[in-house]
Protein backbone atom coordinates (compact mmCIF):
# COMPACT_ATOMS: atom_id res chain seq x y z
CA MET A 1 8.59 14.71 9.83
CA THR A 2 6.36 14.25 6.64
CA SER A 3 8.84 14.51 3.46
CA LEU A 4 8.56 17.85 1.57
CA LEU A 5 7.58 15.54 -1.65
CA ALA A 6 4.51 14.48 0.24
CA ILE A 7 3.71 17.98 1.11
CA ALA A 8 3.98 19.15 -2.31
CA ALA A 9 1.81 16.14 -3.64
CA ALA A 10 -1.14 17.12 -1.00
CA ALA A 11 -0.72 20.83 -2.22
CA LEU A 12 -1.16 19.74 -5.97
CA LEU A 13 -4.69 18.88 -5.09
CA VAL A 14 -5.26 22.17 -3.97
CA ALA A 15 -3.88 23.69 -7.23
CA GLY A 16 -5.31 21.09 -9.35
CA CYS A 17 -8.87 21.22 -8.13
CA GLY A 18 -9.65 25.09 -8.30
CA LYS A 19 -8.94 27.96 -10.14
CA SER A 20 -6.08 30.57 -9.07
CA GLU A 21 -7.44 33.42 -6.57
CA THR A 22 -7.19 37.17 -6.85
CA ALA A 23 -7.34 40.07 -4.77
CA SER A 24 -11.10 40.32 -5.56
CA ASP A 25 -11.78 36.63 -4.60
CA GLN A 26 -10.47 36.88 -0.69
CA PRO A 27 -9.76 39.36 1.98
CA ALA A 28 -6.08 40.49 2.16
CA SER A 29 -5.72 38.76 5.62
CA GLN A 30 -6.20 35.61 3.96
CA VAL A 31 -3.38 35.78 1.56
CA ALA A 32 -0.16 34.44 2.69
CA ALA A 33 1.95 35.30 -0.58
CA LYS A 34 1.76 36.27 -4.27
CA VAL A 35 3.89 34.52 -7.11
CA ASP A 36 3.69 36.99 -10.09
CA GLY A 37 0.14 38.25 -8.94
CA THR A 38 -1.29 34.80 -8.27
CA GLU A 39 -2.04 34.59 -4.41
CA ILE A 40 -1.48 31.67 -2.28
CA SER A 41 -4.05 31.53 0.50
CA VAL A 42 -3.93 30.77 4.28
CA HIS A 43 -6.54 28.02 3.37
CA GLN A 44 -4.30 26.37 0.98
CA ILE A 45 -2.05 26.04 3.84
CA ASN A 46 -4.64 24.97 6.45
CA TYR A 47 -5.34 22.10 3.50
CA VAL A 48 -2.17 20.86 3.17
CA MET A 49 -1.25 20.86 6.77
CA THR A 50 -4.70 18.78 7.34
CA ARG A 51 -4.35 16.45 4.69
CA SER A 52 -0.74 15.68 5.50
CA LYS A 53 -1.61 15.15 9.09
CA LEU A 54 1.03 18.19 10.14
CA ASN A 55 1.19 18.80 13.80
CA ALA A 56 3.47 20.94 16.00
CA ASP A 57 3.90 20.64 19.68
CA THR A 58 4.29 24.53 20.22
CA PRO A 59 2.97 27.75 18.40
CA GLU A 60 6.18 28.49 17.67
CA ALA A 61 7.00 25.18 15.54
CA ALA A 62 3.61 25.50 14.23
CA GLN A 63 4.49 28.93 12.58
CA ALA A 64 7.74 27.37 11.33
CA LEU A 65 5.57 24.59 9.78
CA ARG A 66 3.52 26.59 8.29
CA LYS A 67 6.19 28.82 6.81
CA GLN A 68 7.56 25.45 5.67
CA VAL A 69 4.32 24.48 3.80
CA LEU A 70 4.07 28.06 1.96
CA GLU A 71 7.59 27.80 1.03
CA LYS A 72 6.55 24.26 -0.99
CA LEU A 73 3.48 26.18 -2.26
CA VAL A 74 5.60 28.81 -3.71
CA ASP A 75 7.89 26.28 -5.17
CA GLN A 76 4.94 24.44 -6.62
CA GLN A 77 3.24 27.63 -8.19
CA VAL A 78 6.70 28.55 -9.77
CA LEU A 79 6.27 25.21 -11.35
CA VAL A 80 2.98 25.64 -12.33
CA GLN A 81 2.98 28.92 -13.98
CA LYS A 82 6.07 27.52 -16.11
CA ALA A 83 4.12 24.62 -17.14
CA LEU A 84 1.30 26.82 -18.23
CA GLU A 85 3.34 29.25 -20.27
CA ASP A 86 4.84 25.95 -22.11
CA LYS A 87 1.47 24.76 -22.41
CA MET A 88 1.92 21.47 -20.78
CA ASP A 89 -1.47 21.54 -19.63
CA ARG A 90 -2.83 20.85 -23.23
CA THR A 91 -0.66 17.67 -23.55
CA PRO A 92 -2.47 14.63 -23.66
CA ASP A 93 -0.75 12.68 -20.63
CA VAL A 94 -1.04 15.89 -18.49
CA GLN A 95 -5.07 16.10 -19.28
CA MET A 96 -5.41 12.47 -18.30
CA ALA A 97 -3.63 13.01 -15.43
CA MET A 98 -5.64 15.73 -14.30
CA GLU A 99 -9.15 14.41 -15.39
CA ALA A 100 -7.71 10.91 -13.29
CA ALA A 101 -7.01 13.55 -10.23
CA ARG A 102 -10.83 15.02 -10.56
CA ARG A 103 -12.30 11.84 -10.90
CA ASP A 104 -10.66 10.51 -7.78
CA VAL A 105 -11.37 13.16 -5.77
CA LEU A 106 -15.35 13.56 -6.78
CA ALA A 107 -15.44 9.86 -6.19
CA ASP A 108 -14.11 9.97 -2.88
CA ALA A 109 -15.86 12.97 -1.77
CA TYR A 110 -19.38 11.40 -2.38
CA LEU A 111 -17.93 8.27 -0.83
CA GLN A 112 -17.46 10.30 2.51
CA LYS A 113 -20.90 11.61 2.18
CA ALA A 114 -22.38 8.74 1.46
CA SER A 115 -20.64 6.05 3.63
CA VAL A 116 -19.61 7.67 6.59
CA PRO A 117 -23.05 8.32 8.43
CA GLY A 118 -23.52 4.74 10.91
CA THR A 119 -20.19 3.69 10.58
CA LYS A 120 -18.71 4.20 14.16
CA ALA A 121 -18.37 1.21 16.31
CA ASP A 122 -20.78 1.38 19.55
CA ASP A 123 -20.13 -0.27 22.68
CA ASP A 124 -22.36 -3.35 21.76
CA GLN A 125 -20.09 -4.13 18.97
CA ILE A 126 -16.85 -3.55 20.81
CA ARG A 127 -17.93 -5.69 23.61
CA LYS A 128 -18.67 -8.71 21.43
CA TYR A 129 -15.79 -8.55 19.34
CA TYR A 130 -13.63 -8.40 22.52
CA THR A 131 -15.81 -11.52 23.67
CA ASP A 132 -15.73 -13.32 20.76
CA ARG A 133 -11.94 -13.44 20.41
CA PRO A 134 -10.36 -14.58 23.57
CA GLU A 135 -7.50 -15.52 21.92
CA LEU A 136 -6.56 -12.04 21.16
CA PHE A 137 -7.53 -10.41 24.58
CA SER A 138 -8.43 -12.25 27.66
CA GLN A 139 -6.52 -15.29 26.80
CA ARG A 140 -3.84 -13.44 24.78
CA ARG A 141 -0.32 -15.11 24.74
CA ILE A 142 3.18 -14.40 23.64
CA PHE A 143 4.57 -17.45 22.06
CA GLN A 144 7.90 -18.45 21.59
CA LEU A 145 7.66 -20.60 18.38
CA GLN A 146 9.95 -23.15 16.20
CA GLU A 147 8.90 -22.81 12.63
CA VAL A 148 10.01 -25.21 9.80
CA ASN A 149 9.23 -24.59 6.10
CA TYR A 150 9.34 -26.84 3.19
CA PRO A 151 8.04 -27.08 -0.34
CA ALA A 152 4.58 -27.95 -0.72
CA SER A 153 5.83 -29.81 -3.64
CA ALA A 154 7.44 -32.47 -1.71
CA PRO A 155 5.89 -36.18 -2.29
CA ALA A 156 2.56 -36.73 -0.58
CA GLU A 157 3.47 -39.55 1.16
CA VAL A 158 6.22 -37.74 2.90
CA GLN A 159 3.83 -34.85 3.73
CA ALA A 160 1.32 -37.38 5.06
CA GLU A 161 4.02 -38.99 7.32
CA VAL A 162 5.53 -35.62 8.74
CA LYS A 163 1.57 -34.54 9.33
CA SER A 164 0.86 -37.82 11.45
CA MET A 165 3.98 -37.30 13.38
CA VAL A 166 3.21 -33.68 14.54
CA GLU A 167 -0.66 -33.98 15.02
CA GLY A 168 0.43 -37.51 17.11
CA GLY A 169 2.61 -35.07 19.33
CA ARG A 170 5.93 -36.41 18.16
CA PRO A 171 8.64 -33.81 18.64
CA LEU A 172 10.01 -31.61 15.87
CA ASP A 173 13.34 -33.17 15.73
CA ASP A 174 11.83 -36.39 14.83
CA ALA A 175 9.75 -34.62 11.92
CA LEU A 176 13.15 -32.88 10.81
CA LYS A 177 15.10 -36.35 10.51
CA THR A 178 12.11 -37.57 8.23
CA LEU A 179 12.52 -34.68 5.94
CA THR A 180 16.19 -35.06 6.04
CA ALA A 181 15.95 -38.90 5.31
CA ARG A 182 13.76 -38.26 2.24
CA GLY A 183 15.73 -35.49 0.78
CA VAL A 184 13.23 -32.69 1.34
CA GLU A 185 15.18 -29.51 1.77
CA PHE A 186 13.52 -27.07 4.80
CA ALA A 187 14.45 -23.89 6.47
CA ARG A 188 14.21 -23.53 10.50
CA GLN A 189 13.75 -20.37 12.49
CA ASP A 190 12.69 -19.46 16.04
CA SER A 191 11.03 -16.24 16.75
CA GLN A 192 8.67 -14.70 19.31
CA ARG A 193 5.40 -13.42 18.80
CA ALA A 194 2.41 -11.80 20.16
CA ALA A 195 -1.01 -13.28 19.44
CA GLU A 196 -1.82 -10.08 17.30
CA GLN A 197 1.28 -10.89 15.06
CA ILE A 198 -0.10 -14.48 14.11
CA SER A 199 -2.68 -15.08 11.73
CA LEU A 200 -6.28 -15.49 12.63
CA GLU A 201 -6.31 -18.70 10.80
CA LEU A 202 -3.52 -20.31 13.05
CA LEU A 203 -3.78 -18.38 16.31
CA PRO A 204 -6.83 -20.61 17.79
CA ARG A 205 -4.90 -23.60 16.84
CA LEU A 206 -1.86 -22.40 18.88
CA ASN A 207 -3.71 -21.35 21.71
CA ARG A 208 -5.13 -25.01 22.03
CA LEU A 209 -1.32 -26.34 22.08
CA GLN A 210 0.90 -26.96 24.89
CA ALA A 211 4.47 -26.33 25.27
CA GLY A 212 6.36 -28.96 22.77
CA GLN A 213 2.94 -29.68 20.52
CA GLY A 214 2.90 -28.23 17.18
CA ALA A 215 0.65 -27.84 13.97
CA VAL A 216 0.99 -28.25 10.25
CA ILE A 217 -0.32 -25.30 7.92
CA GLY A 218 0.24 -24.66 4.12
CA ASN A 219 -0.53 -22.23 1.62
CA GLY A 220 -0.43 -24.35 -1.54
CA LYS A 221 3.60 -23.48 -1.88
CA VAL A 222 4.99 -23.89 1.17
CA MET A 223 4.13 -26.26 3.93
CA SER A 224 4.93 -24.99 7.66
CA LEU A 225 5.53 -27.01 10.89
CA VAL A 226 4.74 -24.43 13.91
CA TYR A 227 5.74 -25.67 17.28
CA VAL A 228 5.01 -24.13 20.77
CA LYS A 229 8.54 -24.13 22.43
CA SER A 230 6.57 -21.88 25.20
CA TYR A 231 4.54 -19.35 26.17
CA GLN A 232 3.71 -16.74 28.41
CA GLN A 233 -0.02 -15.12 29.30
CA ALA A 234 -0.43 -11.67 28.42
CA PRO A 235 -3.96 -10.84 28.61
CA VAL A 236 -5.38 -7.48 27.36
CA SER A 237 -8.45 -5.92 29.47
CA ARG A 238 -11.73 -4.71 27.58
CA GLU A 239 -10.73 -0.89 28.33
CA ALA A 240 -7.25 -1.09 27.27
CA ALA A 241 -8.20 -2.62 23.83
CA ALA A 242 -11.58 -0.82 23.38
CA PRO A 243 -9.64 2.22 21.55
CA ARG A 244 -8.13 -0.31 18.96
CA ILE A 245 -11.05 -2.52 18.40
CA ALA A 246 -13.27 0.70 17.92
CA GLN A 247 -11.07 1.88 15.22
CA PHE A 248 -10.81 -1.51 13.61
CA LEU A 249 -14.84 -1.94 13.72
CA THR A 250 -15.29 1.41 12.31
CA ASN A 251 -12.91 0.89 9.34
CA GLN A 252 -14.63 -2.41 8.53
CA ASN A 253 -18.25 -0.74 8.57
CA LEU A 254 -16.86 2.07 6.64
CA SER A 255 -15.64 -0.42 4.18
CA GLN A 256 -18.73 -2.31 4.14
CA ASN A 257 -20.73 0.83 3.79
CA VAL A 258 -18.44 1.59 0.97
CA SER A 259 -19.20 -1.26 -0.86
CA GLU A 260 -22.87 -1.32 -0.51
CA VAL A 261 -23.19 2.52 -1.76
CA VAL A 262 -21.20 1.28 -4.77
CA LYS A 263 -23.09 -1.85 -5.46
CA ASN A 264 -26.38 0.29 -5.10
CA LEU A 265 -25.48 2.41 -7.72
CA ARG A 266 -24.06 0.07 -10.03
CA SER A 267 -27.45 -1.56 -9.92
CA LYS A 268 -29.28 1.76 -11.14
CA ALA A 269 -26.52 2.65 -13.68
CA LYS A 270 -26.90 1.75 -17.35
CA ILE A 271 -23.21 -0.24 -17.99
CA ASP A 272 -22.45 -1.45 -21.33
CA TYR A 273 -19.29 -3.25 -21.70
CA VAL A 274 -17.77 -3.11 -25.22
CA GLY A 275 -15.37 -5.30 -27.53
CA ASP A 276 -13.20 -7.76 -25.70
CA PHE A 277 -14.65 -6.31 -22.38
CA ALA A 278 -18.19 -7.43 -23.27
CA ALA A 279 -17.43 -11.17 -23.35
CA ALA A 280 -16.37 -11.12 -19.66
CA ALA A 281 -18.81 -8.90 -18.48
CA ASP A 282 -20.99 -11.45 -16.64
CA THR A 283 -17.78 -12.58 -14.80
CA ALA A 284 -16.53 -9.18 -14.31
CA SER A 285 -19.71 -7.68 -13.04
CA PRO A 286 -20.09 -8.04 -9.07
CA LYS A 287 -23.31 -10.05 -8.33
């Protein structure tokens, strides 16, 4: 179950983004509780439950959950009232935090309005994504891997020798003997990984390998020898994969739309960088 702290945090947005409601603001049926005359509404409870994704399986459990949320809102209102009595809303740190929360809410609200249309993935996108990535779906494998990591700072001639051995089809033990003989420390581990647990950079390479073959990869800090010990075919049909693909593509479309919205608004705004930031304006501003 979502933590009570998370419930309180979500409720803070309700309290921070609007004024306290009174009896003249709403029908009595929409009032769930009063704290020293300040009303807590059913709408606030529903907002917290929706934002925190709180669900219950039965009507009885739902009512208990709503009561739990209400009690946290009461706790919060007691704290809010005390903070106002102590004039904490006038302190610089609190004012900055409230303004930051307001900016976040407004910016997110506009992005939701401007970028959501057209983001849902359609059947053609889903079909193309499935077809273009057989290693994740129709040719999906579960690999038994042997992985050896060693520093990328190892001498270049050693790295070249090891790479030649691996790509030439030599067994992993031969590469390990070379590293040991040249004084290069390494760490070895065996693992089982499904295709979706492997980076998209490495996966196509592993799919081309047979049992006993390996590949060399590096990220500038660590070099890795990855050998396929064995694998089993575990294809996923398009029908089974479609919901996950649709969610991924929808999120991707939304991210692209958000970037376009922000880029468009920036192009229309007059943005002046000042002081030390002015010198870096050309490199800091997106093109």
